[in-house]
Amino acid sequence: MKNPFRYFNSSPEIIRLTVMMYIRYPLSLRQVEDMLFERGIDICHETVRFWWNRFGPMFAAEIRKRRVQHHSYSNWRWHLDEVFVRINGETRYLWRAVDHEGEVLEVFATKRRNRAAALAFRKRAMKRYGRPKIIVTDRPKVLPGSDECDRECRRSGMRPLA
């Protein structure tokens, strides 16, 4: 793999520091510029924006990859909900699974809002991210509760939630 920093005059450490400061803390581009200037790094706010657009997705992919490799992704509490959205003029149902840190784990769009769609969404999310200890819902009628979930898991050969 080629070095993504090869055409830049700044060191990769400075680029990483700048992008991570902008992503991690609620700072504007000019605030990041001012903080770096106080530390002896003279760059423009447009440079911060350019680096963020160029390297932000790469850093995010590295973080996600590291999380999955070490199995440190959130496995203990998920929030599941569904939202009505219009896609090409038609109403669809958008199911989302969000972990306790606020990171969206899975998104699933369906034509119907029924039990089969809810279980397919849950099964897909659990297959990819493992089983959560707790699932928090807004109690829609189509999304089974924990007792029904345990029965459904036993029927499909999966271990019920603890």
Protein backbone atom coordinates (compact mmCIF):
# COMPACT_ATOMS: atom_id res chain seq x y z
CA MET A 1 0.00 0.00 0.00
CA LYS A 2 1.33 3.42 -0.91
CA ASN A 3 1.89 6.06 1.72
CA PRO A 4 -1.16 8.42 1.70
CA PHE A 5 0.97 11.24 3.18
CA ARG A 6 3.67 11.18 0.47
CA TYR A 7 2.73 14.45 -1.28
CA PHE A 8 2.32 16.51 1.89
CA ASN A 9 5.04 18.70 3.40
CA SER A 10 3.74 18.21 6.93
CA SER A 11 4.54 15.10 8.91
CA PRO A 12 1.90 12.37 9.26
CA GLU A 13 1.86 12.92 13.04
CA ILE A 14 0.82 16.56 12.63
CA ILE A 15 -1.86 15.64 10.09
CA ARG A 16 -3.22 12.91 12.38
CA LEU A 17 -3.18 15.25 15.41
CA THR A 18 -4.99 17.98 13.48
CA VAL A 19 -7.69 15.70 12.09
CA MET A 20 -8.26 13.93 15.39
CA MET A 21 -8.52 17.26 17.26
CA TYR A 22 -11.18 18.43 14.83
CA ILE A 23 -13.11 15.17 14.99
CA ARG A 24 -12.81 14.40 18.69
CA TYR A 25 -13.55 17.81 20.21
CA PRO A 26 -16.32 20.28 19.35
CA LEU A 27 -13.97 22.78 17.74
CA SER A 28 -14.31 24.89 14.62
CA LEU A 29 -11.67 24.88 11.91
CA ARG A 30 -10.36 28.24 13.08
CA GLN A 31 -10.19 27.06 16.70
CA VAL A 32 -8.07 24.08 15.64
CA GLU A 33 -5.89 26.47 13.64
CA ASP A 34 -5.45 28.72 16.72
CA MET A 35 -4.65 25.79 19.04
CA LEU A 36 -2.01 24.47 16.67
CA PHE A 37 -0.54 27.97 16.25
CA GLU A 38 -0.13 28.18 20.04
CA ARG A 39 1.88 24.96 19.81
CA GLY A 40 4.12 26.32 17.04
CA ILE A 41 2.36 24.75 14.06
CA ASP A 42 1.36 27.40 11.52
CA ILE A 43 -1.37 26.14 9.18
CA CYS A 44 -4.50 27.63 7.65
CA HIS A 45 -8.04 26.60 8.61
CA GLU A 46 -8.56 25.55 4.98
CA THR A 47 -5.67 23.12 5.39
CA VAL A 48 -7.45 21.62 8.38
CA ARG A 49 -10.61 21.24 6.29
CA PHE A 50 -8.67 19.68 3.40
CA TRP A 51 -6.91 17.21 5.68
CA TRP A 52 -10.18 16.34 7.39
CA ASN A 53 -11.86 15.61 4.04
CA ARG A 54 -8.87 13.67 2.77
CA PHE A 55 -7.80 11.68 5.82
CA GLY A 56 -10.89 11.62 8.07
CA PRO A 57 -12.50 8.61 6.38
CA MET A 58 -9.17 6.77 6.42
CA PHE A 59 -8.70 7.34 10.16
CA ALA A 60 -12.32 6.33 10.85
CA ALA A 61 -11.83 3.09 8.89
CA GLU A 62 -8.68 2.33 10.92
CA ILE A 63 -10.54 2.88 14.18
CA ARG A 64 -13.45 0.65 13.08
CA LYS A 65 -11.04 -2.04 11.89
CA ARG A 66 -9.19 -1.97 15.21
CA ARG A 67 -12.47 -2.21 17.13
CA VAL A 68 -13.63 -5.26 15.18
CA GLN A 69 -10.25 -7.01 15.39
CA HIS A 70 -10.12 -6.70 19.16
CA HIS A 71 -13.86 -7.36 19.58
CA SER A 72 -14.12 -4.17 21.58
CA TYR A 73 -17.15 -2.91 19.72
CA SER A 74 -20.15 -2.30 21.92
CA ASN A 75 -21.79 -5.54 22.78
CA TRP A 76 -23.72 -4.79 25.91
CA ARG A 77 -26.56 -2.39 25.04
CA TRP A 78 -28.25 -1.53 21.77
CA HIS A 79 -31.10 0.85 21.07
CA LEU A 80 -33.40 -0.29 18.25
CA ASP A 81 -35.95 1.94 16.59
CA GLU A 82 -37.77 2.43 13.34
CA VAL A 83 -38.55 5.61 11.43
CA PHE A 84 -40.88 6.36 8.53
CA VAL A 85 -39.00 7.82 5.56
CA ARG A 86 -39.92 8.67 1.99
CA ILE A 87 -37.69 7.17 -0.68
CA ASN A 88 -38.55 8.09 -4.28
CA GLY A 89 -42.01 9.19 -3.16
CA GLU A 90 -42.84 5.92 -1.36
CA THR A 91 -43.05 5.40 2.39
CA ARG A 92 -40.45 2.99 3.72
CA TYR A 93 -39.48 1.91 7.21
CA LEU A 94 -35.91 2.53 8.30
CA TRP A 95 -34.72 0.31 11.14
CA ARG A 96 -31.63 1.40 13.10
CA ALA A 97 -29.45 -0.21 15.75
CA VAL A 98 -27.40 2.24 17.83
CA ASP A 99 -24.92 1.21 20.52
CA HIS A 100 -24.60 2.84 23.94
CA GLU A 101 -21.87 5.17 22.60
CA GLY A 102 -24.21 6.57 19.94
CA GLU A 103 -22.55 4.85 16.99
CA VAL A 104 -24.98 3.57 14.37
CA LEU A 105 -24.31 -0.14 14.00
CA GLU A 106 -26.80 -1.18 11.35
CA VAL A 107 -29.43 0.43 9.12
CA PHE A 108 -32.09 -1.54 7.26
CA ALA A 109 -34.88 -0.22 4.98
CA THR A 110 -38.02 -2.30 4.36
CA LYS A 111 -41.31 -1.90 2.56
CA ARG A 112 -43.31 -3.41 5.38
CA ARG A 113 -43.38 -2.80 9.10
CA ASN A 114 -44.03 -6.27 10.42
CA ARG A 115 -42.55 -8.88 12.69
CA ALA A 116 -40.62 -10.62 9.91
CA ALA A 117 -38.87 -7.37 8.93
CA ALA A 118 -38.01 -6.62 12.56
CA LEU A 119 -36.58 -10.09 13.15
CA ALA A 120 -34.63 -10.00 9.86
CA PHE A 121 -33.11 -6.68 10.91
CA ARG A 122 -32.19 -7.98 14.37
CA LYS A 123 -30.74 -11.18 12.97
CA ARG A 124 -28.65 -9.24 10.46
CA ALA A 125 -27.30 -6.90 13.15
CA MET A 126 -26.51 -9.74 15.55
CA LYS A 127 -24.79 -11.75 12.84
CA ARG A 128 -22.47 -8.84 12.11
CA TYR A 129 -21.87 -7.42 15.60
CA GLY A 130 -22.58 -10.28 18.00
CA ARG A 131 -25.24 -10.53 20.66
CA PRO A 132 -25.94 -7.57 22.95
CA LYS A 133 -26.72 -8.13 26.60
CA ILE A 134 -29.59 -5.62 26.58
CA ILE A 135 -31.81 -4.38 23.75
CA VAL A 136 -33.69 -1.15 24.39
CA THR A 137 -36.71 -0.41 22.18
CA ASP A 138 -39.55 2.07 22.16
CA ARG A 139 -41.87 -0.95 22.45
CA PRO A 140 -43.32 -1.13 18.94
CA LYS A 141 -45.79 -3.97 18.53
CA VAL A 142 -43.86 -5.51 15.66
CA LEU A 143 -40.54 -5.69 17.53
CA PRO A 144 -40.70 -8.59 19.97
CA GLY A 145 -39.96 -8.06 23.64
CA SER A 146 -37.23 -9.92 25.48
CA ASP A 147 -39.39 -12.99 26.25
CA GLU A 148 -40.52 -13.33 22.65
CA CYS A 149 -36.98 -12.63 21.53
CA ASP A 150 -35.66 -15.48 23.66
CA ARG A 151 -38.26 -17.90 22.25
CA GLU A 152 -37.48 -16.82 18.69
CA CYS A 153 -33.74 -17.21 19.31
CA ARG A 154 -34.22 -20.74 20.68
CA ARG A 155 -36.32 -21.68 17.64
CA SER A 156 -33.65 -20.43 15.24
CA GLY A 157 -30.85 -22.14 17.19
CA MET A 158 -29.35 -18.98 18.70
CA ARG A 159 -28.58 -18.54 22.40
CA PRO A 160 -31.19 -16.33 24.13
CA LEU A 161 -30.24 -12.95 25.57
CA ALA A 162 -28.87 -13.02 29.12
